[in-house]
């Protein structure tokens, strides 16, 4: 799931950068007659983005990057602390400053708090900008939904946008876990207002209509009233990521706001492999990758701290649908995120590993206090340990050296950690 949410984050950035070239051009004939290259990023054709060049973000993507960077460098998201970052960035911003941003900045400078400075704007763009929060806090749905709401009202005090953000948040989470996209689009909407359900129905109803005609009918503009339905249309009309991106841009209008959401959802559906080959050629791709690493490292630090305190794991293996389990002492290699264990090659679980190296297991804290429950479930690949890697095991268990045991390495592929100290049922996820 985490890799798909990472694809959703990259997809949102790509959707914005790809749309820059034709952003806010409403004349679709002008776009089709221009030098716009549908296979790559383009310099902006309109006058709204002076100084921008191919591979840059619009002002939407820039703000999404500010959010990602703030999350990566703070211990936790706070709309109060983020408002300080946003205010400092926006005060010196040389790109386009839209009405919602102007209102919010003026309100902050007049002394209003971060929860009282939002505009009355109905622009859809703020919804797509939430993706860094979805990626960083997906393991705690309640916290994520609250943070997305606070991020929305910070600049856009609109109940329609708050609801829209919650809807796309749930949709992205559902498809990242394998739910069918078209079915989820309609089923997730059932928990929301009649207005939102109508927008979904409008988008679905246009599924067989050519894209320029459909989006002109639904609404090319910035407003959520038309933009929401246009996003739904693109999602039900196109399953291919790049085809959806091209159709979105060629339909004109606020293609960046739509593109962020379409990119996020289709990224969550298909994962990193569906992203275009040049997705990381965006001009700020290195910074995005660095921030993602910092966010992932926060999760891994919590996992590593737990594993360092324990030494016994439960291992599960299987061959021909015949399971086998074993308890093994381990040394945790933080550098490679792997377990080093010792086990005789004649044991049944090792014989299984020699035929099927894919393993799973658990490490758990024994306690009868619900509020202190901690543990991890893992999946990995088990293989023979190299000589130099074995030193870590003998540092942890020096007495074992005289026994000259056979050492094995479990390279972790995914981890789910439960930590009730952070809240009942709190889960942290990591994936290689």
Protein backbone atom coordinates (compact mmCIF):
# COMPACT_ATOMS: atom_id res chain seq x y z
CA UNK A 1 0.00 0.00 0.00
CA UNK A 2 2.77 2.45 0.87
CA UNK A 3 4.38 2.13 -2.58
CA UNK A 4 1.03 2.89 -4.21
CA UNK A 5 0.56 5.95 -2.02
CA UNK A 6 4.04 7.07 -2.99
CA UNK A 7 2.94 6.71 -6.61
CA UNK A 8 -0.15 8.77 -5.75
CA UNK A 9 2.07 11.53 -4.37
CA UNK A 10 4.32 11.51 -7.42
CA UNK A 11 1.23 11.33 -9.62
CA UNK A 12 -0.20 14.48 -8.06
CA UNK A 13 3.04 16.39 -8.66
CA UNK A 14 3.25 15.05 -12.21
CA UNK A 15 -0.35 16.04 -12.93
CA UNK A 16 0.42 19.62 -11.95
CA UNK A 17 3.76 19.91 -13.78
CA UNK A 18 2.38 18.28 -16.93
CA UNK A 19 -0.55 20.72 -16.98
CA UNK A 20 1.64 23.85 -16.63
CA UNK A 21 2.11 24.18 -20.39
CA UNK A 22 -1.58 24.74 -21.17
CA UNK A 23 -2.84 25.76 -17.75
CA UNK A 24 -5.71 28.25 -17.77
CA UNK A 25 -6.09 28.22 -21.53
CA UNK A 26 -9.80 27.76 -22.11
CA UNK A 27 -9.71 27.79 -25.91
CA UNK A 28 -9.12 24.14 -26.77
CA UNK A 29 -8.46 25.04 -30.42
CA UNK A 30 -5.62 27.29 -29.28
CA UNK A 31 -4.12 24.38 -27.33
CA UNK A 32 -4.40 21.93 -30.22
CA UNK A 33 -2.83 24.41 -32.65
CA UNK A 34 0.01 25.29 -30.29
CA UNK A 35 3.44 23.69 -29.99
CA UNK A 36 2.27 21.77 -26.89
CA UNK A 37 4.08 18.42 -26.81
CA UNK A 38 1.86 15.81 -25.17
CA UNK A 39 4.81 13.50 -24.49
CA UNK A 40 6.76 15.80 -22.21
CA UNK A 41 6.64 18.86 -19.96
CA UNK A 42 6.09 22.22 -21.66
CA UNK A 43 6.79 25.89 -21.09
CA UNK A 44 3.60 27.75 -20.14
CA UNK A 45 1.59 29.08 -23.08
CA UNK A 46 -0.45 31.52 -20.99
CA UNK A 47 0.71 34.72 -19.28
CA UNK A 48 -0.31 33.50 -15.81
CA UNK A 49 3.01 31.83 -15.03
CA UNK A 50 5.82 34.26 -15.86
CA UNK A 51 9.28 32.89 -15.18
CA UNK A 52 8.07 29.30 -15.17
CA UNK A 53 9.59 26.75 -17.54
CA UNK A 54 8.96 23.18 -18.61
CA UNK A 55 9.16 20.82 -15.63
CA UNK A 56 8.20 23.49 -13.09
CA UNK A 57 5.04 23.41 -11.01
CA UNK A 58 2.14 25.82 -11.09
CA UNK A 59 1.45 27.72 -7.89
CA UNK A 60 -0.60 24.67 -6.81
CA UNK A 61 2.33 22.29 -7.06
CA UNK A 62 4.65 24.78 -5.40
CA UNK A 63 2.36 24.93 -2.36
CA UNK A 64 2.10 21.13 -2.32
CA UNK A 65 5.90 20.98 -2.25
CA UNK A 66 6.01 23.45 0.66
CA UNK A 67 3.65 21.16 2.54
CA UNK A 68 5.68 18.04 1.78
CA UNK A 69 8.89 19.72 2.86
CA UNK A 70 7.32 20.97 6.10
CA UNK A 71 6.04 17.49 6.96
CA UNK A 72 9.41 15.93 6.20
CA UNK A 73 11.26 18.28 8.54
CA UNK A 74 8.77 18.51 11.44
CA UNK A 75 8.03 15.88 14.06
CA UNK A 76 4.31 16.15 13.35
CA UNK A 77 1.99 18.29 11.23
CA UNK A 78 0.56 21.38 12.87
CA UNK A 79 -1.53 23.86 10.90
CA UNK A 80 -0.16 26.58 13.16
CA UNK A 81 3.48 25.81 12.36
CA UNK A 82 2.68 25.14 8.71
CA UNK A 83 0.97 28.52 8.45
CA UNK A 84 4.29 30.13 9.46
CA UNK A 85 6.10 28.23 6.71
CA UNK A 86 3.39 29.02 4.16
CA UNK A 87 3.30 32.71 5.10
CA UNK A 88 7.08 33.08 4.77
CA UNK A 89 7.06 31.33 1.38
CA UNK A 90 4.03 33.15 0.01
CA UNK A 91 5.30 36.56 1.14
CA UNK A 92 8.28 36.17 -1.18
CA UNK A 93 6.60 34.10 -3.90
CA UNK A 94 7.30 35.22 -7.46
CA UNK A 95 4.71 32.96 -9.08
CA UNK A 96 1.01 33.55 -9.55
CA UNK A 97 -0.82 34.38 -6.32
CA UNK A 98 -4.49 33.44 -6.56
CA UNK A 99 -7.36 35.05 -4.70
CA UNK A 100 -7.48 32.46 -1.91
CA UNK A 101 -3.77 32.90 -1.23
CA UNK A 102 -4.02 36.70 -1.25
CA UNK A 103 -6.91 36.58 1.23
CA UNK A 104 -5.13 34.12 3.53
CA UNK A 105 -1.86 36.06 3.47
CA UNK A 106 -3.59 39.36 4.21
CA UNK A 107 -5.53 37.75 7.07
CA UNK A 108 -2.36 36.34 8.61
CA UNK A 109 -0.60 39.67 8.30
CA UNK A 110 -3.59 41.33 9.99
CA UNK A 111 -3.10 39.03 12.97
CA UNK A 112 -5.72 36.36 12.36
CA UNK A 113 -4.95 32.81 13.44
CA UNK A 114 -4.33 29.86 11.15
CA UNK A 115 -7.90 28.59 11.60
CA UNK A 116 -9.52 31.93 10.91
CA UNK A 117 -7.69 33.14 7.84
CA UNK A 118 -9.24 30.96 5.14
CA UNK A 119 -10.95 32.47 2.10
CA UNK A 120 -14.43 31.77 0.78
CA UNK A 121 -12.92 30.38 -2.44
CA UNK A 122 -14.40 27.21 -3.93
CA UNK A 123 -11.34 26.41 -6.03
CA UNK A 124 -10.74 22.67 -6.39
CA UNK A 125 -6.95 23.04 -6.34
CA UNK A 126 -6.63 22.86 -2.55
CA UNK A 127 -7.97 19.30 -2.59
CA UNK A 128 -5.14 17.93 -4.71
CA UNK A 129 -2.55 19.70 -2.59
CA UNK A 130 -3.40 17.41 0.35
CA UNK A 131 -1.39 14.46 -0.99
CA UNK A 132 1.71 14.90 1.23
CA UNK A 133 -0.58 14.51 4.27
CA UNK A 134 -2.17 11.37 2.83
CA UNK A 135 1.24 9.82 2.22
CA UNK A 136 2.77 10.78 5.54
CA UNK A 137 -0.18 9.89 7.80
CA UNK A 138 -1.97 7.07 5.98
CA UNK A 139 -1.31 4.67 8.85
CA UNK A 140 -3.57 6.73 11.12
CA UNK A 141 -6.77 7.41 9.20
CA UNK A 142 -8.37 9.61 11.87
CA UNK A 143 -5.32 11.82 12.18
CA UNK A 144 -4.90 11.99 8.42
CA UNK A 145 -8.51 13.04 7.86
CA UNK A 146 -8.24 15.71 10.55
CA UNK A 147 -5.01 17.07 9.11
CA UNK A 148 -6.47 17.16 5.60
CA UNK A 149 -9.46 19.11 6.91
CA UNK A 150 -7.23 21.61 8.73
CA UNK A 151 -5.04 22.03 5.66
CA UNK A 152 -8.13 22.70 3.54
CA UNK A 153 -9.75 25.33 5.76
CA UNK A 154 -6.43 27.10 6.29
CA UNK A 155 -6.80 28.70 2.84
CA UNK A 156 -10.32 27.63 1.75
CA UNK A 157 -13.11 27.91 4.30
CA UNK A 158 -15.58 25.88 2.28
CA UNK A 159 -17.61 22.91 3.46
CA UNK A 160 -17.81 21.65 -0.13
CA UNK A 161 -14.04 21.55 -0.36
CA UNK A 162 -13.68 19.94 3.06
CA UNK A 163 -16.09 17.23 1.96
CA UNK A 164 -14.39 16.85 -1.43
CA UNK A 165 -10.99 16.43 0.23
CA UNK A 166 -12.37 13.77 2.55
CA UNK A 167 -13.99 11.94 -0.38
CA UNK A 168 -10.83 11.81 -2.50
CA UNK A 169 -8.83 10.91 0.58
CA UNK A 170 -11.03 7.85 1.15
CA UNK A 171 -11.07 6.98 -2.55
CA UNK A 172 -7.28 7.05 -2.77
CA UNK A 173 -6.94 4.90 0.33
CA UNK A 174 -9.50 2.38 -0.97
CA UNK A 175 -7.89 1.87 -4.37
CA UNK A 176 -4.38 1.77 -2.87
CA UNK A 177 -5.57 -1.29 -0.94
CA UNK A 178 -6.83 -2.98 -4.09
CA UNK A 179 -10.46 -1.85 -4.35
CA UNK A 180 -11.90 -1.49 -7.84
CA UNK A 181 -11.74 2.14 -8.95
CA UNK A 182 -15.05 2.52 -10.78
CA UNK A 183 -16.98 0.70 -8.11
CA UNK A 184 -15.26 2.66 -5.33
CA UNK A 185 -16.00 6.01 -6.99
CA UNK A 186 -19.72 5.44 -6.49
CA UNK A 187 -19.63 3.45 -3.25
CA UNK A 188 -17.42 5.91 -1.35
CA UNK A 189 -19.76 8.73 -2.38
CA UNK A 190 -22.68 7.08 -0.55
CA UNK A 191 -21.29 8.34 2.78
CA UNK A 192 -21.36 11.94 1.59
CA UNK A 193 -23.90 14.65 0.77
CA UNK A 194 -26.46 14.53 -2.03
CA UNK A 195 -24.58 17.35 -3.74
CA UNK A 196 -21.36 15.36 -3.87
CA UNK A 197 -23.23 12.27 -5.03
CA UNK A 198 -24.73 14.36 -7.84
CA UNK A 199 -21.25 15.50 -8.91
CA UNK A 200 -20.13 11.88 -9.02
CA UNK A 201 -23.20 10.91 -11.03
CA UNK A 202 -22.59 13.75 -13.48
CA UNK A 203 -19.03 12.62 -14.09
CA UNK A 204 -20.00 8.97 -14.51
CA UNK A 205 -22.82 9.87 -16.88
CA UNK A 206 -20.37 11.48 -19.30
CA UNK A 207 -18.13 8.41 -19.47
CA UNK A 208 -18.85 7.71 -23.15
CA UNK A 209 -18.46 11.33 -24.25
CA UNK A 210 -15.32 12.66 -25.93
CA UNK A 211 -13.14 14.40 -23.36
CA UNK A 212 -13.13 18.00 -24.63
CA UNK A 213 -16.91 17.98 -25.03
CA UNK A 214 -17.44 16.32 -21.64
CA UNK A 215 -15.21 18.66 -19.64
CA UNK A 216 -16.61 21.75 -21.35
CA UNK A 217 -20.08 20.56 -20.37
CA UNK A 218 -19.09 19.72 -16.78
CA UNK A 219 -16.94 22.81 -16.29
CA UNK A 220 -13.40 23.79 -17.24
CA UNK A 221 -13.02 26.37 -14.49
CA UNK A 222 -11.34 26.33 -11.07
CA UNK A 223 -14.53 25.82 -9.09
CA UNK A 224 -15.20 22.54 -7.30
CA UNK A 225 -18.75 22.53 -8.67
CA UNK A 226 -17.56 21.60 -12.18
CA UNK A 227 -14.02 20.47 -11.50
CA UNK A 228 -15.02 17.64 -9.19
CA UNK A 229 -17.31 16.07 -11.78
CA UNK A 230 -14.64 16.53 -14.47
CA UNK A 231 -12.13 14.60 -12.34
CA UNK A 232 -14.64 11.78 -11.90
CA UNK A 233 -15.24 11.75 -15.64
CA UNK A 234 -11.53 11.40 -16.39
CA UNK A 235 -11.20 8.58 -13.87
CA UNK A 236 -14.04 6.53 -15.33
CA UNK A 237 -13.18 7.34 -18.93
CA UNK A 238 -9.45 6.55 -18.86
CA UNK A 239 -7.56 3.73 -17.15
CA UNK A 240 -4.20 4.62 -18.68
CA UNK A 241 -2.33 7.27 -16.67
CA UNK A 242 -0.77 9.16 -19.56
CA UNK A 243 -3.93 9.06 -21.69
CA UNK A 244 -5.84 10.63 -18.81
CA UNK A 245 -3.16 13.32 -18.42
CA UNK A 246 -3.26 14.19 -22.11
CA UNK A 247 -7.06 14.31 -22.29
CA UNK A 248 -7.18 16.48 -19.19
CA UNK A 249 -4.75 19.09 -20.54
CA UNK A 250 -6.22 19.21 -24.04
CA UNK A 251 -9.64 19.95 -22.51
CA UNK A 252 -8.33 23.28 -21.22
CA UNK A 253 -9.18 25.40 -18.20
CA UNK A 254 -7.89 24.57 -14.75
CA UNK A 255 -6.17 21.39 -15.88
CA UNK A 256 -3.62 21.55 -13.05
CA UNK A 257 -6.24 21.23 -10.30
CA UNK A 258 -7.85 18.30 -12.11
CA UNK A 259 -4.48 16.80 -13.00
CA UNK A 260 -3.29 16.60 -9.40
CA UNK A 261 -6.31 14.55 -8.37
CA UNK A 262 -6.38 12.35 -11.47
CA UNK A 263 -2.65 11.69 -11.09
CA UNK A 264 -3.03 10.87 -7.41
CA UNK A 265 -5.90 8.44 -7.87
CA UNK A 266 -4.47 6.61 -10.88
CA UNK A 267 -1.08 6.45 -9.16
CA UNK A 268 -2.78 4.84 -6.16
CA UNK A 269 -4.48 2.34 -8.46
CA UNK A 270 -1.47 1.18 -10.44
CA UNK A 271 1.59 2.04 -8.37
CA UNK A 272 4.93 3.40 -9.52
CA UNK A 273 5.00 1.33 -12.71
CA UNK A 274 2.08 3.26 -14.26
CA UNK A 275 3.80 6.62 -13.95
CA UNK A 276 5.29 8.02 -17.17
CA UNK A 277 8.98 7.30 -17.75
CA UNK A 278 9.85 10.97 -17.18
CA UNK A 279 7.92 11.48 -13.96
CA UNK A 280 11.14 12.16 -12.04
CA UNK A 281 12.36 14.68 -14.63
CA UNK A 282 10.34 17.40 -12.93
CA UNK A 283 12.62 20.22 -11.87
CA UNK A 284 12.07 19.63 -8.15
CA UNK A 285 12.06 15.82 -8.34
CA UNK A 286 15.23 15.51 -6.25
CA UNK A 287 13.70 17.52 -3.41
CA UNK A 288 10.52 15.42 -3.53
CA UNK A 289 12.57 12.21 -3.37
CA UNK A 290 14.62 13.55 -0.44
CA UNK A 291 11.48 14.52 1.49
CA UNK A 292 9.91 11.12 0.86
CA UNK A 293 13.06 9.47 2.24
CA UNK A 294 12.89 11.66 5.34
CA UNK A 295 9.25 10.77 5.92
CA UNK A 296 9.93 7.06 5.44
CA UNK A 297 12.93 7.27 7.77
CA UNK A 298 10.69 8.53 10.57
CA UNK A 299 8.65 5.34 10.37
CA UNK A 300 11.72 3.14 10.14
CA UNK A 301 13.28 4.85 13.16
CA UNK A 302 10.28 3.86 15.30
CA UNK A 303 10.46 0.29 14.00
CA UNK A 304 14.23 0.10 14.57
CA UNK A 305 13.91 1.39 18.12
CA UNK A 306 11.42 -1.37 18.92
CA UNK A 307 13.43 -4.13 17.27
CA UNK A 308 16.61 -3.07 19.05
CA UNK A 309 14.93 -3.81 22.39
CA UNK A 310 13.95 -7.36 21.46
CA UNK A 311 15.77 -10.48 20.33
CA UNK A 312 13.23 -13.19 19.51
CA UNK A 313 11.12 -13.51 16.37
CA UNK A 314 8.54 -15.97 15.19
CA UNK A 315 9.16 -17.16 11.64
CA UNK A 316 6.64 -18.68 9.21
CA UNK A 317 7.61 -20.61 6.08
CA UNK A 318 5.64 -22.63 3.57
CA UNK A 319 6.18 -25.12 0.74
CA UNK A 320 3.38 -26.79 -1.21
CA UNK A 321 0.80 -25.23 1.12
CA UNK A 322 2.44 -26.91 4.10
CA UNK A 323 3.31 -24.28 6.75
CA UNK A 324 6.07 -24.44 9.30
CA UNK A 325 6.93 -22.05 12.10
CA UNK A 326 9.98 -21.49 14.28
CA UNK A 327 11.21 -19.16 17.01
CA UNK A 328 14.64 -17.67 16.37
CA UNK A 329 16.94 -15.28 18.16
CA UNK A 330 17.84 -12.36 15.91
CA UNK A 331 20.23 -9.46 15.58
CA UNK A 332 18.72 -6.49 13.77
CA UNK A 333 20.80 -4.82 11.06
CA UNK A 334 19.50 -1.25 10.94
CA UNK A 335 21.64 -0.32 7.95
CA UNK A 336 20.09 -2.90 5.64
CA UNK A 337 16.82 -3.37 7.55
CA UNK A 338 17.32 -7.10 7.97
CA UNK A 339 17.37 -9.80 10.63
CA UNK A 340 20.41 -12.02 11.12
CA UNK A 341 19.43 -15.40 12.57
CA UNK A 342 21.04 -18.77 13.21
CA UNK A 343 19.51 -22.10 12.27
CA UNK A 344 20.66 -25.56 11.26
CA UNK A 345 20.24 -26.34 7.59
CA UNK A 346 18.51 -29.63 8.47
CA UNK A 347 15.57 -27.98 10.21
CA UNK A 348 12.23 -28.13 8.47
CA UNK A 349 11.82 -24.36 8.25
CA UNK A 350 15.22 -23.97 6.57
CA UNK A 351 14.44 -26.79 4.17
CA UNK A 352 11.32 -24.82 3.29
CA UNK A 353 13.37 -21.66 2.79
CA UNK A 354 15.68 -23.46 0.36
CA UNK A 355 12.61 -24.11 -1.80
CA UNK A 356 10.69 -20.91 -1.07
CA UNK A 357 12.68 -17.97 0.29
CA UNK A 358 9.60 -15.82 0.93
CA UNK A 359 8.90 -15.73 4.65
CA UNK A 360 6.80 -13.83 7.17
CA UNK A 361 6.86 -13.47 10.91
CA UNK A 362 6.29 -11.41 14.02
CA UNK A 363 8.15 -9.76 16.87
CA UNK A 364 5.94 -8.93 19.83
CA UNK A 365 6.11 -7.46 23.29
CA UNK A 366 4.48 -9.72 25.85
CA UNK A 367 2.07 -7.67 27.97
CA UNK A 368 -1.47 -7.92 29.29
CA UNK A 369 -1.89 -4.14 29.31
CA UNK A 370 -3.76 -3.09 26.17
CA UNK A 371 -2.27 0.39 26.20
CA UNK A 372 1.28 -1.01 26.05
CA UNK A 373 0.82 -3.50 23.20
CA UNK A 374 3.60 -3.29 20.62
CA UNK A 375 4.67 -5.61 17.86
CA UNK A 376 5.52 -5.97 14.21
CA UNK A 377 4.41 -8.25 11.42
CA UNK A 378 6.90 -8.61 8.60
CA UNK A 379 7.42 -10.16 5.20
CA UNK A 380 10.82 -10.75 3.72
CA UNK A 381 13.23 -12.87 1.74
CA UNK A 382 15.52 -15.28 3.61
CA UNK A 383 18.94 -16.24 2.29
CA UNK A 384 22.34 -17.41 3.47
CA UNK A 385 24.29 -14.80 5.36
CA UNK A 386 27.59 -13.46 4.08
CA UNK A 387 30.53 -13.89 6.46
CA UNK A 388 30.94 -10.16 7.18
CA UNK A 389 27.23 -9.79 7.90
CA UNK A 390 27.41 -12.44 10.60
CA UNK A 391 29.55 -10.28 12.88
CA UNK A 392 26.44 -8.45 14.03
CA UNK A 393 24.89 -11.70 15.28
CA UNK A 394 27.95 -12.64 17.31
CA UNK A 395 28.08 -9.16 18.83
CA UNK A 396 24.56 -9.73 20.12
CA UNK A 397 25.14 -13.37 21.10
CA UNK A 398 28.90 -13.84 21.69
CA UNK A 399 28.43 -17.25 23.31
CA UNK A 400 27.03 -18.58 19.99
CA UNK A 401 30.38 -18.18 18.23
CA UNK A 402 31.84 -21.34 19.72
CA UNK A 403 28.89 -23.29 18.30
CA UNK A 404 29.73 -22.16 14.74
CA UNK A 405 26.06 -21.90 13.72
CA UNK A 406 24.78 -21.51 10.18
CA UNK A 407 23.69 -17.87 9.76
CA UNK A 408 20.85 -16.57 7.64
CA UNK A 409 19.64 -13.13 6.65
CA UNK A 410 16.00 -12.08 6.39
CA UNK A 411 15.83 -9.03 4.13
CA UNK A 412 12.66 -7.22 5.13
CA UNK A 413 10.30 -6.25 2.33
CA UNK A 414 7.38 -4.88 4.35
CA UNK A 415 6.57 -4.12 7.97
CA UNK A 416 3.38 -3.34 9.83
CA UNK A 417 3.92 -2.14 13.36
CA UNK A 418 1.23 -1.88 16.02
CA UNK A 419 1.96 0.55 18.85
CA UNK A 420 -0.90 1.21 21.23
CA UNK A 421 1.23 3.67 23.16
CA UNK A 422 0.59 6.09 20.28
CA UNK A 423 -3.16 5.43 20.37
CA UNK A 424 -5.33 2.32 20.35
CA UNK A 425 -4.77 0.32 17.19
CA UNK A 426 -2.11 2.73 15.91
CA UNK A 427 -0.37 1.21 12.89
CA UNK A 428 2.86 2.18 11.14
CA UNK A 429 3.72 0.81 7.71
CA UNK A 430 7.01 0.48 5.86
CA UNK A 431 7.72 -1.06 2.49
CA UNK A 432 11.04 -1.42 0.69
